[in-house]
All heavy atoms as atom14 arrays in JSON, in Angstrom:
{
  "sequence": "KYTVNLNLGLSNVTGLRLEVLDDPSLPTNGPGMYSTNGNFVLTEVNVQ",
  "atom14_mask": [
    [1, 1, 1, 1, 1, 1, 1, 1, 1, 0, 0, 0, 0, 0],
    [1, 1, 1, 1, 1, 1, 1, 1, 1, 1, 1, 1, 0, 0],
    [1, 1, 1, 1, 1, 1, 1, 0, 0, 0, 0, 0, 0, 0],
    [1, 1, 1, 1, 1, 1, 1, 0, 0, 0, 0, 0, 0, 0],
    [1, 1, 1, 1, 1, 1, 1, 1, 0, 0, 0, 0, 0, 0],
    [1, 1, 1, 1, 1, 1, 1, 1, 0, 0, 0, 0, 0, 0],
    [1, 1, 1, 1, 1, 1, 1, 1, 0, 0, 0, 0, 0, 0],
    [1, 1, 1, 1, 1, 1, 1, 1, 0, 0, 0, 0, 0, 0],
    [1, 1, 1, 1, 0, 0, 0, 0, 0, 0, 0, 0, 0, 0],
    [1, 1, 1, 1, 1, 1, 1, 1, 0, 0, 0, 0, 0, 0],
    [1, 1, 1, 1, 1, 1, 0, 0, 0, 0, 0, 0, 0, 0],
    [1, 1, 1, 1, 1, 1, 1, 1, 0, 0, 0, 0, 0, 0],
    [1, 1, 1, 1, 1, 1, 1, 0, 0, 0, 0, 0, 0, 0],
    [1, 1, 1, 1, 1, 1, 1, 0, 0, 0, 0, 0, 0, 0],
    [1, 1, 1, 1, 0, 0, 0, 0, 0, 0, 0, 0, 0, 0],
    [1, 1, 1, 1, 1, 1, 1, 1, 0, 0, 0, 0, 0, 0],
    [1, 1, 1, 1, 1, 1, 1, 1, 1, 1, 1, 0, 0, 0],
    [1, 1, 1, 1, 1, 1, 1, 1, 0, 0, 0, 0, 0, 0],
    [1, 1, 1, 1, 1, 1, 1, 1, 1, 0, 0, 0, 0, 0],
    [1, 1, 1, 1, 1, 1, 1, 0, 0, 0, 0, 0, 0, 0],
    [1, 1, 1, 1, 1, 1, 1, 1, 0, 0, 0, 0, 0, 0],
    [1, 1, 1, 1, 1, 1, 1, 1, 0, 0, 0, 0, 0, 0],
    [1, 1, 1, 1, 1, 1, 1, 1, 0, 0, 0, 0, 0, 0],
    [1, 1, 1, 1, 1, 1, 1, 0, 0, 0, 0, 0, 0, 0],
    [1, 1, 1, 1, 1, 1, 0, 0, 0, 0, 0, 0, 0, 0],
    [1, 1, 1, 1, 1, 1, 1, 1, 0, 0, 0, 0, 0, 0],
    [1, 1, 1, 1, 1, 1, 1, 0, 0, 0, 0, 0, 0, 0],
    [1, 1, 1, 1, 1, 1, 1, 0, 0, 0, 0, 0, 0, 0],
    [1, 1, 1, 1, 1, 1, 1, 1, 0, 0, 0, 0, 0, 0],
    [1, 1, 1, 1, 0, 0, 0, 0, 0, 0, 0, 0, 0, 0],
    [1, 1, 1, 1, 1, 1, 1, 0, 0, 0, 0, 0, 0, 0],
    [1, 1, 1, 1, 0, 0, 0, 0, 0, 0, 0, 0, 0, 0],
    [1, 1, 1, 1, 1, 1, 1, 1, 0, 0, 0, 0, 0, 0],
    [1, 1, 1, 1, 1, 1, 1, 1, 1, 1, 1, 1, 0, 0],
    [1, 1, 1, 1, 1, 1, 0, 0, 0, 0, 0, 0, 0, 0],
    [1, 1, 1, 1, 1, 1, 1, 0, 0, 0, 0, 0, 0, 0],
    [1, 1, 1, 1, 1, 1, 1, 1, 0, 0, 0, 0, 0, 0],
    [1, 1, 1, 1, 0, 0, 0, 0, 0, 0, 0, 0, 0, 0],
    [1, 1, 1, 1, 1, 1, 1, 1, 0, 0, 0, 0, 0, 0],
    [1, 1, 1, 1, 1, 1, 1, 1, 1, 1, 1, 0, 0, 0],
    [1, 1, 1, 1, 1, 1, 1, 0, 0, 0, 0, 0, 0, 0],
    [1, 1, 1, 1, 1, 1, 1, 1, 0, 0, 0, 0, 0, 0],
    [1, 1, 1, 1, 1, 1, 1, 0, 0, 0, 0, 0, 0, 0],
    [1, 1, 1, 1, 1, 1, 1, 1, 1, 0, 0, 0, 0, 0],
    [1, 1, 1, 1, 1, 1, 1, 0, 0, 0, 0, 0, 0, 0],
    [1, 1, 1, 1, 1, 1, 1, 1, 0, 0, 0, 0, 0, 0],
    [1, 1, 1, 1, 1, 1, 1, 0, 0, 0, 0, 0, 0, 0],
    [1, 1, 1, 1, 1, 1, 1, 1, 1, 0, 0, 0, 0, 0]
  ],
  "atom14_positions": [
    [[-13.86, 22.29, 55.53], [-13.08, 23.13, 56.44], [-11.77, 22.45, 56.81], [-11.64, 21.23, 56.77], [-13.87, 23.47, 57.7], [-14.09, 22.28, 58.64], [-14.78, 22.72, 59.92], [-14.99, 21.53, 60.86], [-15.6, 21.92, 62.14], [0.0, 0.0, 0.0], [0.0, 0.0, 0.0], [0.0, 0.0, 0.0], [0.0, 0.0, 0.0], [0.0, 0.0, 0.0]],
    [[-10.79, 23.29, 57.15], [-9.59, 22.84, 57.82], [-9.76, 23.18, 59.3], [-10.28, 24.24, 59.64], [-8.34, 23.58, 57.34], [-8.08, 23.65, 55.86], [-7.28, 24.65, 55.34], [-8.63, 22.72, 54.97], [-7.0, 24.74, 53.98], [-8.37, 22.8, 53.62], [-7.56, 23.81, 53.12], [-7.29, 23.9, 51.78], [0.0, 0.0, 0.0], [0.0, 0.0, 0.0]],
    [[-9.3, 22.3, 60.17], [-9.22, 22.61, 61.59], [-7.78, 22.46, 62.02], [-7.21, 21.37, 61.93], [-10.11, 21.68, 62.43], [-11.48, 21.86, 62.05], [-9.97, 21.99, 63.91], [0.0, 0.0, 0.0], [0.0, 0.0, 0.0], [0.0, 0.0, 0.0], [0.0, 0.0, 0.0], [0.0, 0.0, 0.0], [0.0, 0.0, 0.0], [0.0, 0.0, 0.0]],
    [[-7.17, 23.56, 62.45], [-5.79, 23.54, 62.88], [-5.74, 23.85, 64.37], [-6.35, 24.82, 64.83], [-4.92, 24.53, 62.06], [-5.47, 25.93, 62.09], [-3.47, 24.52, 62.56], [0.0, 0.0, 0.0], [0.0, 0.0, 0.0], [0.0, 0.0, 0.0], [0.0, 0.0, 0.0], [0.0, 0.0, 0.0], [0.0, 0.0, 0.0], [0.0, 0.0, 0.0]],
    [[-5.07, 22.99, 65.13], [-4.88, 23.19, 66.56], [-3.46, 23.7, 66.78], [-2.49, 23.13, 66.28], [-5.1, 21.88, 67.31], [-6.52, 21.37, 67.16], [-7.47, 22.13, 67.26], [-6.67, 20.08, 66.88], [0.0, 0.0, 0.0], [0.0, 0.0, 0.0], [0.0, 0.0, 0.0], [0.0, 0.0, 0.0], [0.0, 0.0, 0.0], [0.0, 0.0, 0.0]],
    [[-3.35, 24.79, 67.54], [-2.07, 25.48, 67.69], [-1.74, 25.74, 69.15], [-2.62, 26.09, 69.94], [-2.12, 26.84, 66.97], [-2.5, 26.84, 65.49], [-3.7, 27.75, 65.25], [-1.33, 27.28, 64.64], [0.0, 0.0, 0.0], [0.0, 0.0, 0.0], [0.0, 0.0, 0.0], [0.0, 0.0, 0.0], [0.0, 0.0, 0.0], [0.0, 0.0, 0.0]],
    [[-0.46, 25.57, 69.5], [0.0, 26.02, 70.81], [0.06, 27.54, 70.81], [0.59, 28.15, 69.88], [1.39, 25.46, 71.1], [1.35, 23.99, 71.47], [0.4, 23.53, 72.1], [2.38, 23.25, 71.1], [0.0, 0.0, 0.0], [0.0, 0.0, 0.0], [0.0, 0.0, 0.0], [0.0, 0.0, 0.0], [0.0, 0.0, 0.0], [0.0, 0.0, 0.0]],
    [[-0.47, 28.16, 71.87], [-0.47, 29.62, 71.93], [0.77, 30.13, 72.65], [1.57, 30.86, 72.09], [-1.75, 30.12, 72.61], [-1.99, 31.63, 72.58], [-1.95, 32.14, 71.15], [-3.33, 31.97, 73.21], [0.0, 0.0, 0.0], [0.0, 0.0, 0.0], [0.0, 0.0, 0.0], [0.0, 0.0, 0.0], [0.0, 0.0, 0.0], [0.0, 0.0, 0.0]],
    [[0.95, 29.76, 73.92], [2.17, 30.1, 74.62], [2.36, 31.58, 74.9], [3.47, 32.04, 75.16], [0.0, 0.0, 0.0], [0.0, 0.0, 0.0], [0.0, 0.0, 0.0], [0.0, 0.0, 0.0], [0.0, 0.0, 0.0], [0.0, 0.0, 0.0], [0.0, 0.0, 0.0], [0.0, 0.0, 0.0], [0.0, 0.0, 0.0], [0.0, 0.0, 0.0]],
    [[1.29, 32.37, 74.82], [1.34, 33.81, 75.11], [0.18, 34.17, 76.03], [-0.87, 33.51, 76.03], [1.23, 34.63, 73.82], [2.36, 34.51, 72.8], [1.96, 35.22, 71.51], [3.65, 35.09, 73.35], [0.0, 0.0, 0.0], [0.0, 0.0, 0.0], [0.0, 0.0, 0.0], [0.0, 0.0, 0.0], [0.0, 0.0, 0.0], [0.0, 0.0, 0.0]],
    [[0.36, 35.25, 76.78], [-0.7, 35.76, 77.64], [-1.17, 37.12, 77.11], [-0.4, 37.86, 76.51], [-0.21, 35.92, 79.08], [0.2, 34.68, 79.62], [0.0, 0.0, 0.0], [0.0, 0.0, 0.0], [0.0, 0.0, 0.0], [0.0, 0.0, 0.0], [0.0, 0.0, 0.0], [0.0, 0.0, 0.0], [0.0, 0.0, 0.0], [0.0, 0.0, 0.0]],
    [[-2.44, 37.41, 77.33], [-3.03, 38.7, 76.94], [-2.87, 38.98, 75.45], [-2.45, 40.08, 75.05], [-2.43, 39.83, 77.79], [-2.63, 39.62, 79.27], [-3.71, 39.24, 79.7], [-1.59, 39.86, 80.06], [0.0, 0.0, 0.0], [0.0, 0.0, 0.0], [0.0, 0.0, 0.0], [0.0, 0.0, 0.0], [0.0, 0.0, 0.0], [0.0, 0.0, 0.0]],
    [[-3.23, 38.01, 74.66], [-3.15, 38.15, 73.2], [-4.2, 39.14, 72.72], [-5.38, 39.05, 73.08], [-3.32, 36.79, 72.52], [-3.53, 36.94, 71.01], [-2.11, 35.91, 72.79], [0.0, 0.0, 0.0], [0.0, 0.0, 0.0], [0.0, 0.0, 0.0], [0.0, 0.0, 0.0], [0.0, 0.0, 0.0], [0.0, 0.0, 0.0], [0.0, 0.0, 0.0]],
    [[-3.77, 40.09, 71.89], [-4.67, 41.13, 71.38], [-5.01, 40.97, 69.9], [-5.92, 41.64, 69.41], [-4.03, 42.51, 71.57], [-2.74, 42.51, 70.91], [-3.84, 42.82, 73.05], [0.0, 0.0, 0.0], [0.0, 0.0, 0.0], [0.0, 0.0, 0.0], [0.0, 0.0, 0.0], [0.0, 0.0, 0.0], [0.0, 0.0, 0.0], [0.0, 0.0, 0.0]],
    [[-4.28, 40.12, 69.2], [-4.54, 39.99, 67.77], [-3.99, 38.71, 67.19], [-3.08, 38.08, 67.75], [0.0, 0.0, 0.0], [0.0, 0.0, 0.0], [0.0, 0.0, 0.0], [0.0, 0.0, 0.0], [0.0, 0.0, 0.0], [0.0, 0.0, 0.0], [0.0, 0.0, 0.0], [0.0, 0.0, 0.0], [0.0, 0.0, 0.0], [0.0, 0.0, 0.0]],
    [[-4.54, 38.32, 66.04], [-4.1, 37.15, 65.3], [-3.78, 37.55, 63.88], [-4.43, 38.44, 63.31], [-5.18, 36.07, 65.31], [-5.56, 35.47, 66.67], [-6.73, 34.5, 66.51], [-4.37, 34.76, 67.32], [0.0, 0.0, 0.0], [0.0, 0.0, 0.0], [0.0, 0.0, 0.0], [0.0, 0.0, 0.0], [0.0, 0.0, 0.0], [0.0, 0.0, 0.0]],
    [[-2.8, 36.88, 63.3], [-2.4, 37.13, 61.92], [-2.51, 35.85, 61.11], [-2.07, 34.79, 61.55], [-0.95, 37.63, 61.87], [-0.41, 37.86, 60.46], [1.04, 38.32, 60.46], [1.95, 37.25, 60.88], [3.28, 37.37, 60.9], [3.84, 38.52, 60.55], [4.03, 36.36, 61.3], [0.0, 0.0, 0.0], [0.0, 0.0, 0.0], [0.0, 0.0, 0.0]],
    [[-3.09, 35.95, 59.92], [-3.15, 34.86, 58.96], [-2.34, 35.25, 57.73], [-2.68, 36.22, 57.05], [-4.6, 34.55, 58.57], [-4.78, 33.58, 57.4], [-4.19, 32.21, 57.71], [-6.25, 33.47, 57.02], [0.0, 0.0, 0.0], [0.0, 0.0, 0.0], [0.0, 0.0, 0.0], [0.0, 0.0, 0.0], [0.0, 0.0, 0.0], [0.0, 0.0, 0.0]],
    [[-1.29, 34.5, 57.45], [-0.53, 34.68, 56.23], [-0.9, 33.57, 55.24], [-0.93, 32.39, 55.62], [0.97, 34.6, 56.5], [1.51, 35.65, 57.44], [2.94, 35.35, 57.83], [3.14, 34.53, 58.76], [3.86, 35.89, 57.17], [0.0, 0.0, 0.0], [0.0, 0.0, 0.0], [0.0, 0.0, 0.0], [0.0, 0.0, 0.0], [0.0, 0.0, 0.0]],
    [[-1.2, 33.94, 54.01], [-1.36, 32.96, 52.94], [-0.11, 33.07, 52.08], [0.25, 34.15, 51.62], [-2.65, 33.19, 52.14], [-3.86, 32.82, 52.99], [-2.78, 34.62, 51.65], [0.0, 0.0, 0.0], [0.0, 0.0, 0.0], [0.0, 0.0, 0.0], [0.0, 0.0, 0.0], [0.0, 0.0, 0.0], [0.0, 0.0, 0.0], [0.0, 0.0, 0.0]],
    [[0.57, 31.94, 51.88], [1.93, 31.93, 51.37], [2.02, 31.19, 50.04], [1.21, 30.31, 49.75], [2.85, 31.26, 52.4], [2.81, 31.87, 53.81], [3.51, 30.96, 54.8], [3.43, 33.25, 53.8], [0.0, 0.0, 0.0], [0.0, 0.0, 0.0], [0.0, 0.0, 0.0], [0.0, 0.0, 0.0], [0.0, 0.0, 0.0], [0.0, 0.0, 0.0]],
    [[3.04, 31.53, 49.27], [3.25, 30.82, 48.01], [4.05, 29.53, 48.25], [4.68, 29.35, 49.29], [3.94, 31.72, 46.98], [5.29, 32.26, 47.45], [5.73, 31.88, 48.56], [5.89, 33.06, 46.72], [0.0, 0.0, 0.0], [0.0, 0.0, 0.0], [0.0, 0.0, 0.0], [0.0, 0.0, 0.0], [0.0, 0.0, 0.0], [0.0, 0.0, 0.0]],
    [[3.99, 28.64, 47.28], [4.74, 27.39, 47.33], [4.79, 26.82, 45.92], [3.79, 26.87, 45.19], [4.07, 26.39, 48.27], [4.96, 25.2, 48.57], [5.76, 25.28, 49.54], [4.91, 24.2, 47.82], [0.0, 0.0, 0.0], [0.0, 0.0, 0.0], [0.0, 0.0, 0.0], [0.0, 0.0, 0.0], [0.0, 0.0, 0.0], [0.0, 0.0, 0.0]],
    [[5.94, 26.29, 45.49], [6.05, 25.78, 44.13], [5.15, 24.59, 43.82], [4.91, 24.28, 42.64], [7.53, 25.4, 44.02], [8.01, 25.26, 45.42], [7.22, 26.25, 46.21], [0.0, 0.0, 0.0], [0.0, 0.0, 0.0], [0.0, 0.0, 0.0], [0.0, 0.0, 0.0], [0.0, 0.0, 0.0], [0.0, 0.0, 0.0], [0.0, 0.0, 0.0]],
    [[4.62, 23.93, 44.85], [3.73, 22.8, 44.62], [2.3, 23.23, 44.26], [1.49, 22.4, 43.83], [3.68, 21.9, 45.85], [3.05, 22.55, 46.94], [0.0, 0.0, 0.0], [0.0, 0.0, 0.0], [0.0, 0.0, 0.0], [0.0, 0.0, 0.0], [0.0, 0.0, 0.0], [0.0, 0.0, 0.0], [0.0, 0.0, 0.0], [0.0, 0.0, 0.0]],
    [[1.99, 24.52, 44.43], [0.63, 25.03, 44.21], [0.49, 25.61, 42.81], [1.47, 26.05, 42.21], [0.31, 26.1, 45.26], [0.39, 25.67, 46.72], [0.23, 26.86, 47.65], [-0.68, 24.62, 47.03], [0.0, 0.0, 0.0], [0.0, 0.0, 0.0], [0.0, 0.0, 0.0], [0.0, 0.0, 0.0], [0.0, 0.0, 0.0], [0.0, 0.0, 0.0]],
    [[-0.74, 25.64, 42.27], [-0.96, 26.23, 40.94], [-0.48, 27.68, 40.9], [-0.82, 28.46, 41.8], [-2.48, 26.13, 40.76], [-2.9, 25.0, 41.65], [-1.98, 25.06, 42.84], [0.0, 0.0, 0.0], [0.0, 0.0, 0.0], [0.0, 0.0, 0.0], [0.0, 0.0, 0.0], [0.0, 0.0, 0.0], [0.0, 0.0, 0.0], [0.0, 0.0, 0.0]],
    [[0.31, 28.03, 39.91], [0.93, 29.36, 39.77], [1.6, 29.81, 41.07], [1.63, 30.99, 41.38], [-0.07, 30.43, 39.28], [-1.03, 30.72, 40.3], [-0.8, 29.98, 38.02], [0.0, 0.0, 0.0], [0.0, 0.0, 0.0], [0.0, 0.0, 0.0], [0.0, 0.0, 0.0], [0.0, 0.0, 0.0], [0.0, 0.0, 0.0], [0.0, 0.0, 0.0]],
    [[2.08, 28.86, 41.86], [2.75, 29.08, 43.15], [1.8, 29.48, 44.28], [2.25, 29.83, 45.37], [3.86, 30.13, 43.03], [5.03, 29.62, 42.21], [5.43, 28.47, 42.34], [5.56, 30.47, 41.35], [0.0, 0.0, 0.0], [0.0, 0.0, 0.0], [0.0, 0.0, 0.0], [0.0, 0.0, 0.0], [0.0, 0.0, 0.0], [0.0, 0.0, 0.0]],
    [[0.48, 29.46, 44.03], [-0.47, 29.76, 45.09], [-0.67, 31.25, 45.29], [-0.41, 32.03, 44.37], [0.0, 0.0, 0.0], [0.0, 0.0, 0.0], [0.0, 0.0, 0.0], [0.0, 0.0, 0.0], [0.0, 0.0, 0.0], [0.0, 0.0, 0.0], [0.0, 0.0, 0.0], [0.0, 0.0, 0.0], [0.0, 0.0, 0.0], [0.0, 0.0, 0.0]],
    [[-1.17, 31.62, 46.47], [-1.26, 30.85, 47.72], [-2.47, 29.92, 47.82], [-2.6, 29.18, 48.79], [-1.34, 31.95, 48.78], [-2.05, 33.07, 48.08], [-1.57, 33.03, 46.66], [0.0, 0.0, 0.0], [0.0, 0.0, 0.0], [0.0, 0.0, 0.0], [0.0, 0.0, 0.0], [0.0, 0.0, 0.0], [0.0, 0.0, 0.0], [0.0, 0.0, 0.0]],
    [[-3.35, 29.96, 46.85], [-4.51, 29.08, 46.85], [-4.29, 27.87, 45.96], [-3.24, 27.69, 45.33], [0.0, 0.0, 0.0], [0.0, 0.0, 0.0], [0.0, 0.0, 0.0], [0.0, 0.0, 0.0], [0.0, 0.0, 0.0], [0.0, 0.0, 0.0], [0.0, 0.0, 0.0], [0.0, 0.0, 0.0], [0.0, 0.0, 0.0], [0.0, 0.0, 0.0]],
    [[-5.32, 27.03, 45.85], [-5.23, 25.77, 45.12], [-6.07, 25.75, 43.86], [-6.14, 24.7, 43.19], [-5.63, 24.61, 46.03], [-4.78, 24.48, 47.29], [-5.24, 23.08, 48.35], [-4.54, 21.71, 47.4], [0.0, 0.0, 0.0], [0.0, 0.0, 0.0], [0.0, 0.0, 0.0], [0.0, 0.0, 0.0], [0.0, 0.0, 0.0], [0.0, 0.0, 0.0]],
    [[-6.7, 26.88, 43.51], [-7.52, 26.85, 42.3], [-6.62, 26.7, 41.08], [-5.62, 27.4, 40.93], [-8.38, 28.1, 42.18], [-9.44, 27.96, 41.12], [-10.37, 26.93, 41.18], [-9.5, 28.84, 40.04], [-11.34, 26.78, 40.2], [-10.47, 28.7, 39.06], [-11.38, 27.66, 39.15], [-12.35, 27.52, 38.17], [0.0, 0.0, 0.0], [0.0, 0.0, 0.0]],
    [[-6.98, 25.78, 40.21], [-6.06, 25.28, 39.18], [-5.62, 26.32, 38.18], [-4.51, 26.25, 37.64], [-6.71, 24.1, 38.43], [-7.93, 24.51, 37.83], [0.0, 0.0, 0.0], [0.0, 0.0, 0.0], [0.0, 0.0, 0.0], [0.0, 0.0, 0.0], [0.0, 0.0, 0.0], [0.0, 0.0, 0.0], [0.0, 0.0, 0.0], [0.0, 0.0, 0.0]],
    [[-6.44, 27.32, 37.87], [-6.1, 28.26, 36.81], [-5.28, 29.46, 37.27], [-4.54, 30.05, 36.47], [-7.37, 28.77, 36.1], [-8.18, 29.46, 37.06], [-8.14, 27.63, 35.48], [0.0, 0.0, 0.0], [0.0, 0.0, 0.0], [0.0, 0.0, 0.0], [0.0, 0.0, 0.0], [0.0, 0.0, 0.0], [0.0, 0.0, 0.0], [0.0, 0.0, 0.0]],
    [[-5.4, 29.83, 38.54], [-4.71, 31.06, 38.97], [-4.19, 31.05, 40.41], [-3.68, 32.06, 40.88], [-5.64, 32.27, 38.79], [-6.95, 32.13, 39.55], [-7.07, 31.33, 40.47], [-7.96, 32.91, 39.16], [0.0, 0.0, 0.0], [0.0, 0.0, 0.0], [0.0, 0.0, 0.0], [0.0, 0.0, 0.0], [0.0, 0.0, 0.0], [0.0, 0.0, 0.0]],
    [[-4.3, 29.93, 41.12], [-3.77, 29.87, 42.48], [-4.53, 30.71, 43.49], [-3.97, 31.1, 44.52], [0.0, 0.0, 0.0], [0.0, 0.0, 0.0], [0.0, 0.0, 0.0], [0.0, 0.0, 0.0], [0.0, 0.0, 0.0], [0.0, 0.0, 0.0], [0.0, 0.0, 0.0], [0.0, 0.0, 0.0], [0.0, 0.0, 0.0], [0.0, 0.0, 0.0]],
    [[-5.79, 30.97, 43.22], [-6.6, 31.77, 44.13], [-7.29, 30.88, 45.16], [-7.25, 29.64, 45.09], [-7.65, 32.57, 43.33], [-8.21, 33.75, 44.11], [-7.67, 34.15, 45.14], [-9.3, 34.3, 43.63], [0.0, 0.0, 0.0], [0.0, 0.0, 0.0], [0.0, 0.0, 0.0], [0.0, 0.0, 0.0], [0.0, 0.0, 0.0], [0.0, 0.0, 0.0]],
    [[-7.94, 31.5, 46.11], [-8.74, 30.8, 47.11], [-9.89, 31.7, 47.51], [-9.89, 32.91, 47.25], [-7.9, 30.46, 48.35], [-7.43, 31.67, 49.1], [-8.21, 32.28, 50.08], [-6.19, 32.24, 48.81], [-7.78, 33.42, 50.74], [-5.75, 33.37, 49.48], [-6.54, 33.96, 50.44], [0.0, 0.0, 0.0], [0.0, 0.0, 0.0], [0.0, 0.0, 0.0]],
    [[-10.9, 31.12, 48.13], [-11.96, 31.87, 48.82], [-12.09, 31.27, 50.22], [-12.53, 30.13, 50.38], [-13.3, 31.81, 48.09], [-14.38, 32.5, 48.92], [-13.21, 32.44, 46.71], [0.0, 0.0, 0.0], [0.0, 0.0, 0.0], [0.0, 0.0, 0.0], [0.0, 0.0, 0.0], [0.0, 0.0, 0.0], [0.0, 0.0, 0.0], [0.0, 0.0, 0.0]],
    [[-11.66, 32.03, 51.21], [-11.78, 31.59, 52.6], [-13.05, 32.23, 53.17], [-13.09, 33.41, 53.48], [-10.55, 32.02, 53.4], [-10.47, 31.54, 54.85], [-10.69, 30.04, 54.96], [-9.13, 31.94, 55.46], [0.0, 0.0, 0.0], [0.0, 0.0, 0.0], [0.0, 0.0, 0.0], [0.0, 0.0, 0.0], [0.0, 0.0, 0.0], [0.0, 0.0, 0.0]],
    [[-14.08, 31.41, 53.29], [-15.41, 31.89, 53.61], [-15.5, 32.47, 55.01], [-16.05, 33.56, 55.22], [-16.44, 30.76, 53.47], [-16.32, 30.18, 52.17], [-17.86, 31.25, 53.68], [0.0, 0.0, 0.0], [0.0, 0.0, 0.0], [0.0, 0.0, 0.0], [0.0, 0.0, 0.0], [0.0, 0.0, 0.0], [0.0, 0.0, 0.0], [0.0, 0.0, 0.0]],
    [[-15.0, 31.74, 55.96], [-15.16, 32.14, 57.36], [-14.03, 31.54, 58.19], [-13.52, 30.46, 57.89], [-16.52, 31.67, 57.9], [-16.98, 32.35, 59.15], [-17.51, 33.77, 58.93], [-17.7, 34.17, 57.76], [-17.75, 34.47, 59.94], [0.0, 0.0, 0.0], [0.0, 0.0, 0.0], [0.0, 0.0, 0.0], [0.0, 0.0, 0.0], [0.0, 0.0, 0.0]],
    [[-13.65, 32.26, 59.23], [-12.67, 31.8, 60.2], [-13.33, 31.79, 61.57], [-13.94, 32.79, 61.98], [-11.43, 32.73, 60.22], [-10.57, 32.47, 61.45], [-10.62, 32.56, 58.94], [0.0, 0.0, 0.0], [0.0, 0.0, 0.0], [0.0, 0.0, 0.0], [0.0, 0.0, 0.0], [0.0, 0.0, 0.0], [0.0, 0.0, 0.0], [0.0, 0.0, 0.0]],
    [[-13.24, 30.66, 62.24], [-13.86, 30.49, 63.55], [-12.78, 30.07, 64.54], [-12.15, 29.02, 64.37], [-14.96, 29.43, 63.47], [-15.8, 29.36, 64.72], [-15.29, 29.12, 65.81], [-17.11, 29.55, 64.58], [0.0, 0.0, 0.0], [0.0, 0.0, 0.0], [0.0, 0.0, 0.0], [0.0, 0.0, 0.0], [0.0, 0.0, 0.0], [0.0, 0.0, 0.0]],
    [[-12.54, 30.87, 65.56], [-11.45, 30.63, 66.51], [-12.04, 30.26, 67.87], [-12.95, 30.93, 68.37], [-10.55, 31.88, 66.66], [-9.42, 31.61, 67.66], [-9.97, 32.28, 65.3], [0.0, 0.0, 0.0], [0.0, 0.0, 0.0], [0.0, 0.0, 0.0], [0.0, 0.0, 0.0], [0.0, 0.0, 0.0], [0.0, 0.0, 0.0], [0.0, 0.0, 0.0]],
    [[-11.49, 29.2, 68.46], [-11.93, 28.77, 69.77], [-10.73, 28.57, 70.68], [-9.68, 28.05, 70.25], [-12.74, 27.48, 69.68], [-14.07, 27.65, 68.94], [-14.82, 26.35, 68.78], [-14.24, 25.36, 68.34], [-16.08, 26.35, 69.13], [0.0, 0.0, 0.0], [0.0, 0.0, 0.0], [0.0, 0.0, 0.0], [0.0, 0.0, 0.0], [0.0, 0.0, 0.0]]
  ]
}
């Protein structure tokens, strides 16, 4: 797992957005790290 800690700085938050982005350092530019096609499988997201 990755654990990312983030400053929120907002009140009464109603939603969260996750963007998966491309990058030239990733296989086929990503957004994942799988070597043949830049895919990923994100099993679960747990927010606290």
